[in-house]
Every structure is written in structure tokens, then in C-alpha cells.
Amino acid sequence: MITALALDAQGFGIPQDLPALRRYLQAALEVEHLTIPVYMTGMYSIVSGTNRPAYFTIRSVLVEEMLHMTLAANLLNAVGGTPDVGHSQFVAKYPAKLPFSSDRLPLIGLQHFSPAALKTFLTIETPRKLAPKPKPGDGWTSIGQFYDCIRQGLEHLVKEQGEAAVFTGAAARQVGPDDFYNSGGEVFAVHDLQSAQLAIRVISDQGEGTDGTIWDSDDLIFGEQRQLAHYFRFNEIYTARSYGPHDTPADPPSGPLIDVTWDDAYPIHGDSKIADYRKYAATSAVYEQAVAFNTRYAALLRYLHTAFNGTPRAMALAIPTMLELRDRSEQLYRNPHPDPKLAARGLYASPTFELEPSQFDTVSPTVEQNLRLAGLQPGQPIDLSPVPSH
């Protein structure tokens, strides 16, 4: 068991009251979201038609991170919180530190498909049993540790106050399976301790494996085909070899080789910023393309914010926005970096995932219009402003 004593010097431990629990669950939304641009960059920088096993593996994890983000929102709504994802402060500045994590973990940056990128993916998804042990005054060293503290906090509060006092959120704010289909696991409503424990189990097991195995628990929970947990899916790419049915977390993959060609990717300068592209706006279209990408990403977060705050069906508008982002990012990767020195090194342009408040202002009218056209908020103004902190 992870104790508050080991972690509280960085403000991280087992939440002891509802406001603290809600802060942790908002941080969980930030943790899950922080991975999405990282995995998108690795996946969409693959040259079209190559590395298909790796591409679809990363895609499967990316979709499940959206599932985890949605389950975290359901957890936060269930305990009377308010998910807050539709503003620029929600988006990490890359390279970024995972919330509440140990300073021993490296900053998470944006990298093209490469062994270095896969090592970053493995760092993010490291199972508790393979992660460094937390030290006094340290933050968490695996996401599973983080969710275990949330679970312990929930159980403590229910024991202390009773379920009715903890789970006060409106059922209508829950995103359900009819609102968001995912091929790995599914979204479900959280309304009591049992469903909250299950949501945390799904998130943890899909990331690091269940009961000390390399497998997730989708077969046990959802009756779906058993899959490798995220860490082990990524390790197959990194080692270019698949796991065998009897391999354990301590084993290297022992199955057939996987075709991985690291050169079939657009190499990028992951620290590129909009300001860097702006310098060359007169001679390159990259600046306008990168700004347009970030603006559409703001629209995605607006749809998610709406879905998590009382209009679950707005998830239906988030999906086509994700597809548009795929197309816009692949367009960017085909452009040499506008900085001649970086272009001479064979580097290409890439999305920066920098979002400004003005971009959310720009997309708000279109988001409201599309929601109304979809019959999701007929005749009602949609409040997409950041919510106050708890």
C-alpha cells in the first residue's frame, strides 16, 4: 500500500476529503490528456503505408486514453466535481511534467516515431512492479500508484461518510456506452463505490496489466478479447518482437518478430514552437497550418468539455474532429521545417499543441452552432468558460 507519508511532501498522498479527491480526479484528467498529443505525434509522424503494426498499436492505446479520460470525468462528476478541460491552461506545455509525479521521471516531450519516442511511451505506462519505489517526499513513479491513491481515498471517504455523501453527482452528467464507443473496453456510468472501483481498475489494468501479468482485464470485465496492456504493447514495438502467451512482465518478448522500420518516419524538432514558425511565415505555409491545427484542437477540447459537463452526446462531435486533426497533422509532417538550418538536418514541421485563450474564443461560436445543429443544446447558451478551481 502506498502511504501518504511517502508522498505528501510534494502535496501528493491519499486524499483525505472530498475537495482533495476532486483535485486528484481533475489531475487524473490532465494526466490522461497529457499522453494524447505525445502518442498522436508518434503515430502520425509515421510515413503513410509503413509500420502498420506499430501504427495500429499506438492508435489502440490512443483510443483507450480517450476512454480513460472519459472515465476520469465520470469519476469526478460522480463525486460532485466539475471536469474542466475546455481552456488553454488544461493543455500541458511540452516538454511537460506529469501532475504529482516524481522528479526522478523525465519530462515528457513530443517526438517522432523512433526508439526514443517508444522509451518515453514506456516511461509513461510503466507498471507499478517495474517502477522505482517512491521515496519519502517523492511523487508517484507509475500512473498505477497515482490511481491507487485515488482508490484508497475513495474507500476511506465512503467508510467515513457513507456512499450517499460521497457520490452526489447527477446521473445525467455521466458519459455512457451509447455516447462513446471504444473497441477496447467501454465507457460506463459511475454512481457508487463499486462502479468507481471498476473504473479505476479498467484504467490501471489497461495501462499496466492485471494481477502481475502482461494482459489487461477487458476479457474479464467486458467479455472482449484479451489484449496486452499498454506498456507491453509498446514494448513489442520497441523490441520489434511480439510477446508469447506465457510470457511474464519480467520476460522479454519471446514471440515472432515484428516489422519495425524506424527510418519510415518524418523526423521532427519536438521543441518547435509557433513563434519559431512565425519567423518564416512569409516563405512557408507551416505557420498557418500549425495555427489551424491548434485551433481545431481547441475545438476538440470544447466538445469534450461539453460532453463531460452535462451533454454526453457531444462526444459524437469529438470523433470527427479527431479525424480532422489526423489529416492536418499528416499535412504538417510532409513539410520540411521552415527553419533552413533544421531543414538541412532533414527535420520536418510538426504540430506544437500550443493553445491560446484566443483560439478557444475563435472556435466557441462554431462549437455552439454545431451542438445546436446536432440537437444537443437547442436554444440554450453553452457555457464553455473555465470553471472555478475547487
Protein backbone atom coordinates (compact mmCIF):
# COMPACT_ATOMS: atom_id res chain seq x y z
CA MET A 1 0.00 0.00 0.00
CA ILE A 2 1.27 3.47 -0.88
CA THR A 3 1.09 5.73 2.15
CA ALA A 4 0.59 9.46 2.33
CA LEU A 5 3.76 9.63 4.46
CA ALA A 6 5.86 8.54 1.49
CA LEU A 7 4.41 11.08 -0.92
CA ASP A 8 2.85 14.03 0.89
CA ALA A 9 5.95 16.26 0.88
CA GLN A 10 5.10 17.12 -2.74
CA GLY A 11 1.45 17.62 -1.86
CA PHE A 12 0.64 14.10 -3.01
CA GLY A 13 -0.78 11.32 -0.88
CA ILE A 14 -4.11 9.68 -0.19
CA PRO A 15 -6.85 12.32 -0.46
CA GLN A 16 -8.50 12.78 2.92
CA ASP A 17 -11.54 14.87 2.00
CA LEU A 18 -13.83 15.49 -0.97
CA PRO A 19 -12.14 18.70 -2.18
CA ALA A 20 -8.79 16.87 -2.26
CA LEU A 21 -10.35 13.90 -4.05
CA ARG A 22 -11.81 16.21 -6.69
CA ARG A 23 -8.40 17.87 -7.19
CA TYR A 24 -6.87 14.43 -7.73
CA LEU A 25 -9.51 13.48 -10.27
CA GLN A 26 -9.01 16.76 -12.16
CA ALA A 27 -5.29 15.93 -12.13
CA ALA A 28 -6.19 12.47 -13.50
CA LEU A 29 -7.88 14.18 -16.45
CA GLU A 30 -4.67 16.14 -17.01
CA VAL A 31 -2.52 13.01 -16.76
CA GLU A 32 -4.64 11.13 -19.29
CA HIS A 33 -4.80 14.09 -21.66
CA LEU A 34 -1.06 14.80 -21.46
CA THR A 35 -0.38 11.47 -23.14
CA ILE A 36 -2.67 12.12 -26.11
CA PRO A 37 -0.51 14.66 -28.03
CA VAL A 38 2.56 12.53 -27.24
CA TYR A 39 1.03 9.40 -28.77
CA MET A 40 -0.53 11.36 -31.64
CA THR A 41 2.89 12.74 -32.56
CA GLY A 42 4.47 9.29 -32.58
CA MET A 43 1.64 7.78 -34.61
CA TYR A 44 1.01 10.49 -37.21
CA SER A 45 4.72 11.03 -37.91
CA ILE A 46 4.89 7.51 -39.38
CA VAL A 47 5.18 7.64 -43.17
CA SER A 48 1.86 6.58 -44.68
CA GLY A 49 1.69 2.89 -45.58
CA THR A 50 4.65 1.85 -43.42
CA ASN A 51 4.95 0.41 -39.90
CA ARG A 52 1.31 -0.69 -39.95
CA PRO A 53 1.53 -2.93 -36.85
CA ALA A 54 3.14 -0.08 -34.87
CA TYR A 55 0.67 2.49 -36.21
CA PHE A 56 -2.38 0.48 -35.18
CA THR A 57 -0.86 -0.44 -31.82
CA ILE A 58 -0.30 3.23 -30.96
CA ARG A 59 -3.77 4.04 -32.26
CA SER A 60 -5.32 1.41 -30.00
CA VAL A 61 -3.62 2.93 -26.96
CA LEU A 62 -4.57 6.46 -28.01
CA VAL A 63 -8.26 5.50 -28.21
CA GLU A 64 -8.06 3.86 -24.80
CA GLU A 65 -6.50 7.02 -23.35
CA MET A 66 -9.64 8.82 -24.53
CA LEU A 67 -11.61 6.13 -22.70
CA HIS A 68 -9.54 6.71 -19.55
CA MET A 69 -10.04 10.46 -19.78
CA THR A 70 -13.80 9.90 -20.06
CA LEU A 71 -13.88 7.51 -17.11
CA ALA A 72 -11.89 10.03 -15.05
CA ALA A 73 -14.51 12.65 -15.94
CA ASN A 74 -17.27 10.24 -14.89
CA LEU A 75 -15.48 9.67 -11.58
CA LEU A 76 -15.14 13.40 -10.99
CA ASN A 77 -18.79 14.04 -11.87
CA ALA A 78 -19.89 11.18 -9.62
CA VAL A 79 -18.33 12.78 -6.53
CA GLY A 80 -19.83 16.19 -7.23
CA GLY A 81 -16.89 17.69 -9.11
CA THR A 82 -16.80 19.61 -12.38
CA PRO A 83 -14.44 18.42 -15.15
CA ASP A 84 -12.50 21.39 -16.51
CA VAL A 85 -10.89 20.66 -19.88
CA GLY A 86 -12.06 23.38 -22.27
CA HIS A 87 -9.42 26.08 -21.81
CA SER A 88 -5.78 26.72 -22.63
CA GLN A 89 -4.44 26.11 -19.12
CA PHE A 90 -5.57 22.50 -19.33
CA VAL A 91 -3.03 21.75 -22.06
CA ALA A 92 0.50 21.00 -20.90
CA LYS A 93 3.46 22.96 -22.18
CA TYR A 94 5.73 20.33 -23.73
CA PRO A 95 8.10 19.03 -22.59
CA ALA A 96 5.88 18.56 -19.54
CA LYS A 97 5.88 17.04 -16.08
CA LEU A 98 3.11 14.59 -15.30
CA PRO A 99 0.99 16.01 -12.42
CA PHE A 100 2.11 14.86 -8.95
CA SER A 101 4.83 12.66 -10.46
CA SER A 102 8.32 12.16 -9.06
CA ASP A 103 11.10 14.49 -10.15
CA ARG A 104 13.01 11.32 -10.98
CA LEU A 105 10.75 10.82 -14.00
CA PRO A 106 11.90 12.64 -17.15
CA LEU A 107 9.88 15.43 -18.71
CA ILE A 108 7.54 14.17 -21.42
CA GLY A 109 8.22 15.69 -24.84
CA LEU A 110 6.85 15.43 -28.36
CA GLN A 111 8.91 13.02 -30.51
CA HIS A 112 8.52 11.41 -33.89
CA PHE A 113 8.24 7.65 -34.21
CA SER A 114 11.62 6.39 -33.02
CA PRO A 115 13.22 4.25 -30.30
CA ALA A 116 13.47 7.41 -28.15
CA ALA A 117 9.73 8.02 -28.51
CA LEU A 118 8.93 4.43 -27.55
CA LYS A 119 11.14 4.75 -24.47
CA THR A 120 9.06 7.78 -23.49
CA PHE A 121 5.86 5.79 -24.05
CA LEU A 122 7.23 3.02 -21.83
CA THR A 123 8.11 5.54 -19.12
CA ILE A 124 4.53 6.82 -19.11
CA GLU A 125 2.99 3.34 -18.92
CA THR A 126 5.47 1.66 -16.55
CA PRO A 127 3.69 -0.84 -14.25
CA ARG A 128 3.94 -0.36 -10.51
CA LYS A 129 6.02 -3.51 -10.09
CA LEU A 130 8.59 -2.28 -12.62
CA ALA A 131 8.67 1.36 -11.47
CA PRO A 132 11.14 2.79 -8.95
CA LYS A 133 9.81 2.65 -5.41
CA PRO A 134 8.55 6.02 -4.11
CA LYS A 135 10.82 7.66 -1.56
CA PRO A 136 9.79 9.92 1.33
CA GLY A 137 8.97 13.30 -0.16
CA ASP A 138 8.69 11.82 -3.64
CA GLY A 139 5.80 11.88 -6.12
CA TRP A 140 4.40 8.85 -7.87
CA THR A 141 6.61 6.83 -10.20
CA SER A 142 3.81 4.99 -12.03
CA ILE A 143 0.32 6.05 -13.03
CA GLY A 144 -0.95 2.92 -11.29
CA GLN A 145 0.37 4.28 -7.98
CA PHE A 146 -1.50 7.53 -8.61
CA TYR A 147 -4.82 5.77 -9.21
CA ASP A 148 -4.24 3.50 -6.24
CA CYS A 149 -4.09 6.57 -4.02
CA ILE A 150 -7.35 7.82 -5.55
CA ARG A 151 -8.94 4.42 -4.87
CA GLN A 152 -7.78 4.43 -1.26
CA GLY A 153 -9.09 7.96 -0.81
CA LEU A 154 -12.49 6.98 -2.19
CA GLU A 155 -12.73 3.94 0.05
CA HIS A 156 -11.70 6.00 3.10
CA LEU A 157 -14.31 8.68 2.42
CA VAL A 158 -17.10 6.16 1.82
CA LYS A 159 -16.24 4.37 5.05
CA GLU A 160 -16.13 7.67 6.92
CA GLN A 161 -19.12 9.47 5.39
CA GLY A 162 -21.19 6.85 3.56
CA GLU A 163 -21.79 6.42 -0.19
CA ALA A 164 -24.66 8.89 -0.35
CA ALA A 165 -22.46 11.70 0.99
CA VAL A 166 -19.62 10.95 -1.44
CA PHE A 167 -21.49 10.15 -4.66
CA THR A 168 -23.61 13.27 -5.02
CA GLY A 169 -23.22 13.92 -8.75
CA ALA A 170 -26.16 13.99 -11.15
CA ALA A 171 -26.61 10.82 -13.20
CA ALA A 172 -27.32 12.91 -16.32
CA ARG A 173 -23.69 14.09 -16.36
CA GLN A 174 -22.34 10.58 -16.90
CA VAL A 175 -20.98 9.59 -20.32
CA GLY A 176 -22.20 6.10 -21.16
CA PRO A 177 -21.63 3.40 -23.80
CA ASP A 178 -24.25 4.95 -26.09
CA ASP A 179 -22.23 8.18 -26.15
CA PHE A 180 -18.73 6.83 -26.81
CA TYR A 181 -17.88 3.51 -28.49
CA ASN A 182 -14.41 2.12 -27.98
CA SER A 183 -13.11 -1.21 -29.24
CA GLY A 184 -11.05 -1.77 -26.08
CA GLY A 185 -13.29 -1.74 -23.02
CA GLU A 186 -16.20 0.66 -22.80
CA VAL A 187 -17.38 3.76 -21.02
CA PHE A 188 -19.86 3.21 -18.21
CA ALA A 189 -21.59 5.36 -15.62
CA VAL A 190 -20.06 5.77 -12.16
CA HIS A 191 -22.59 6.11 -9.37
CA ASP A 192 -21.27 4.25 -6.32
CA LEU A 193 -18.12 2.80 -4.81
CA GLN A 194 -18.32 -0.45 -6.77
CA SER A 195 -18.55 1.28 -10.17
CA ALA A 196 -15.84 3.77 -9.14
CA GLN A 197 -13.51 0.92 -8.17
CA LEU A 198 -14.24 -0.75 -11.50
CA ALA A 199 -13.43 2.45 -13.44
CA ILE A 200 -10.09 2.74 -11.65
CA ARG A 201 -9.38 -0.93 -12.31
CA VAL A 202 -10.08 -0.55 -16.03
CA ILE A 203 -7.73 2.44 -16.28
CA SER A 204 -4.94 0.76 -14.32
CA ASP A 205 -5.24 -2.70 -15.88
CA GLN A 206 -5.30 -1.39 -19.45
CA GLY A 207 -2.12 0.58 -18.75
CA GLU A 208 0.00 -1.82 -16.72
CA GLY A 209 -1.66 -5.24 -16.78
CA THR A 210 -3.74 -7.14 -14.26
CA ASP A 211 -2.56 -9.28 -11.35
CA GLY A 212 1.11 -9.15 -12.31
CA THR A 213 0.52 -10.28 -15.91
CA ILE A 214 1.17 -8.64 -19.28
CA TRP A 215 -2.57 -8.70 -20.09
CA ASP A 216 -5.36 -6.22 -19.46
CA SER A 217 -8.67 -7.31 -17.92
CA ASP A 218 -11.01 -6.48 -20.82
CA ASP A 219 -11.86 -10.17 -21.21
CA LEU A 220 -12.82 -10.46 -17.55
CA ILE A 221 -14.74 -7.17 -17.29
CA PHE A 222 -16.26 -6.66 -20.74
CA GLY A 223 -16.17 -10.15 -22.28
CA GLU A 224 -13.88 -8.85 -25.03
CA GLN A 225 -10.74 -10.41 -26.42
CA ARG A 226 -7.82 -10.25 -24.01
CA GLN A 227 -5.18 -7.70 -25.05
CA LEU A 228 -1.72 -6.76 -23.93
CA ALA A 229 -1.62 -3.85 -21.50
CA HIS A 230 -0.28 -0.59 -22.90
CA TYR A 231 3.25 -0.98 -21.54
CA PHE A 232 3.66 -4.37 -23.19
CA ARG A 233 2.08 -3.29 -26.49
CA PHE A 234 4.68 -0.53 -26.66
CA ASN A 235 7.47 -2.90 -25.65
CA GLU A 236 6.62 -5.12 -28.61
CA ILE A 237 7.26 -2.16 -30.92
CA TYR A 238 10.42 -1.13 -29.07
CA THR A 239 11.91 -4.64 -29.22
CA ALA A 240 10.38 -5.47 -32.63
CA ARG A 241 9.19 -8.78 -31.22
CA SER A 242 5.77 -9.94 -30.03
CA TYR A 243 5.02 -11.50 -26.66
CA GLY A 244 4.23 -15.17 -26.33
CA PRO A 245 1.11 -16.37 -24.49
CA HIS A 246 3.07 -17.45 -21.42
CA ASP A 247 5.49 -14.51 -21.12
CA THR A 248 5.52 -12.62 -17.83
CA PRO A 249 6.24 -8.91 -17.14
CA ALA A 250 9.82 -9.82 -16.24
CA ASP A 251 10.39 -11.63 -19.55
CA PRO A 252 11.48 -10.06 -22.82
CA PRO A 253 9.05 -10.80 -25.66
CA SER A 254 9.60 -14.33 -26.93
CA GLY A 255 7.21 -14.46 -29.89
CA PRO A 256 7.62 -13.77 -33.60
CA LEU A 257 9.47 -10.74 -34.91
CA ILE A 258 7.53 -7.58 -35.81
CA ASP A 259 8.48 -5.50 -38.83
CA VAL A 260 9.55 -2.09 -37.49
CA THR A 261 11.41 0.36 -39.74
CA TRP A 262 12.47 3.38 -37.72
CA ASP A 263 13.57 5.29 -40.81
CA ASP A 264 9.99 5.34 -42.12
CA ALA A 265 9.02 8.38 -40.09
CA TYR A 266 9.23 12.14 -40.52
CA PRO A 267 11.93 13.28 -38.07
CA ILE A 268 10.89 16.43 -36.22
CA HIS A 269 12.30 19.03 -33.88
CA GLY A 270 9.96 18.28 -30.99
CA ASP A 271 10.63 21.59 -29.23
CA SER A 272 9.40 23.68 -32.17
CA LYS A 273 7.01 26.46 -31.23
CA ILE A 274 4.54 28.61 -33.10
CA ALA A 275 6.90 31.54 -32.57
CA ASP A 276 9.59 29.62 -34.47
CA TYR A 277 7.25 29.05 -37.41
CA ARG A 278 6.06 32.67 -37.40
CA LYS A 279 9.56 33.86 -38.31
CA TYR A 280 9.22 32.15 -41.68
CA ALA A 281 5.54 32.91 -42.38
CA ALA A 282 6.44 34.89 -45.49
CA THR A 283 8.12 31.92 -47.15
CA SER A 284 6.33 28.89 -45.68
CA ALA A 285 2.74 27.80 -45.09
CA VAL A 286 3.75 25.89 -41.96
CA TYR A 287 2.88 28.75 -39.60
CA GLU A 288 -0.70 28.99 -40.83
CA GLN A 289 -1.08 25.20 -40.85
CA ALA A 290 0.23 24.87 -37.29
CA VAL A 291 -2.06 27.62 -36.01
CA ALA A 292 -5.02 25.99 -37.76
CA PHE A 293 -4.17 22.64 -36.18
CA ASN A 294 -4.02 24.14 -32.70
CA THR A 295 -7.31 25.95 -33.26
CA ARG A 296 -9.03 22.70 -34.23
CA TYR A 297 -7.51 21.05 -31.16
CA ALA A 298 -9.18 23.78 -29.11
CA ALA A 299 -12.49 22.76 -30.73
CA LEU A 300 -11.87 19.14 -29.69
CA LEU A 301 -11.40 20.18 -26.08
CA ARG A 302 -14.55 22.33 -26.23
CA TYR A 303 -16.57 19.32 -27.38
CA LEU A 304 -15.07 17.17 -24.63
CA HIS A 305 -15.75 19.89 -22.04
CA THR A 306 -19.39 19.97 -23.14
CA ALA A 307 -19.66 16.17 -23.09
CA PHE A 308 -18.20 15.99 -19.57
CA ASN A 309 -20.43 18.76 -18.25
CA GLY A 310 -23.97 17.60 -18.84
CA THR A 311 -24.22 16.90 -22.59
CA PRO A 312 -22.68 13.42 -23.03
CA ARG A 313 -23.81 13.13 -26.65
CA ALA A 314 -21.35 15.87 -27.59
CA MET A 315 -18.79 13.04 -27.73
CA ALA A 316 -20.22 12.36 -31.19
CA LEU A 317 -18.77 15.65 -32.41
CA ALA A 318 -15.36 14.99 -30.87
CA ILE A 319 -14.72 11.94 -33.06
CA PRO A 320 -14.80 13.68 -36.49
CA THR A 321 -12.66 16.46 -35.00
CA MET A 322 -10.04 13.82 -34.11
CA LEU A 323 -10.08 12.62 -37.72
CA GLU A 324 -9.61 16.18 -38.95
CA LEU A 325 -6.64 16.56 -36.61
CA ARG A 326 -5.12 13.42 -38.11
CA ASP A 327 -5.35 14.88 -41.60
CA ARG A 328 -4.00 18.27 -40.55
CA SER A 329 -1.06 16.75 -38.67
CA GLU A 330 -0.08 14.50 -41.56
CA GLN A 331 -0.16 17.56 -43.83
CA LEU A 332 2.25 19.33 -41.49
CA TYR A 333 4.68 16.41 -41.36
CA ARG A 334 5.08 16.46 -45.12
CA ASN A 335 6.60 19.96 -44.95
CA PRO A 336 10.30 20.45 -44.32
CA HIS A 337 10.90 22.52 -41.21
CA PRO A 338 10.70 26.19 -42.23
CA ASP A 339 13.96 26.95 -40.41
CA PRO A 340 16.58 26.33 -43.14
CA LYS A 341 19.12 25.05 -40.61
CA LEU A 342 16.71 22.45 -39.26
CA ALA A 343 15.52 21.55 -42.75
CA ALA A 344 19.15 20.97 -43.74
CA ARG A 345 19.32 18.38 -40.96
CA GLY A 346 16.39 16.57 -42.55
CA LEU A 347 13.80 17.71 -39.98
CA TYR A 348 10.15 18.32 -40.76
CA ALA A 349 7.39 20.52 -39.39
CA SER A 350 5.00 19.19 -36.74
CA PRO A 351 2.06 20.25 -34.57
CA THR A 352 3.07 22.15 -31.45
CA PHE A 353 -0.09 21.68 -29.34
CA GLU A 354 0.22 25.24 -28.03
CA LEU A 355 -3.21 26.65 -27.27
CA GLU A 356 -4.03 30.26 -26.52
CA PRO A 357 -7.25 31.62 -24.96
CA SER A 358 -7.97 33.44 -28.22
CA GLN A 359 -8.20 30.10 -30.07
CA PHE A 360 -10.93 28.91 -27.73
CA ASP A 361 -12.73 32.20 -28.30
CA THR A 362 -12.41 31.67 -32.06
CA VAL A 363 -13.95 28.19 -32.06
CA SER A 364 -16.70 28.80 -29.50
CA PRO A 365 -19.34 30.13 -31.96
CA THR A 366 -18.79 27.19 -34.33
CA VAL A 367 -18.87 24.70 -31.47
CA GLU A 368 -22.13 26.17 -30.17
CA GLN A 369 -23.64 26.15 -33.66
CA ASN A 370 -22.66 22.52 -34.29
CA LEU A 371 -24.04 21.43 -30.94
CA ARG A 372 -27.34 23.13 -31.67
CA LEU A 373 -27.50 21.67 -35.19
CA ALA A 374 -27.00 18.25 -33.62
CA GLY A 375 -29.91 18.98 -31.29
CA LEU A 376 -27.70 18.78 -28.21
CA GLN A 377 -28.30 22.23 -26.75
CA PRO A 378 -31.37 23.59 -28.55
CA GLY A 379 -31.91 27.24 -27.83
CA GLN A 380 -29.61 27.33 -24.81
CA PRO A 381 -26.35 29.25 -24.45
CA ILE A 382 -23.44 26.92 -23.83
CA ASP A 383 -21.10 27.99 -21.04
CA LEU A 384 -17.64 26.83 -22.10
CA SER A 385 -15.67 29.16 -19.83
CA PRO A 386 -13.17 27.64 -17.39
CA VAL A 387 -14.81 26.58 -14.16
CA PRO A 388 -13.52 27.81 -10.80
CA SER A 389 -10.97 25.58 -9.10
CA HIS A 390 -12.24 23.52 -6.18
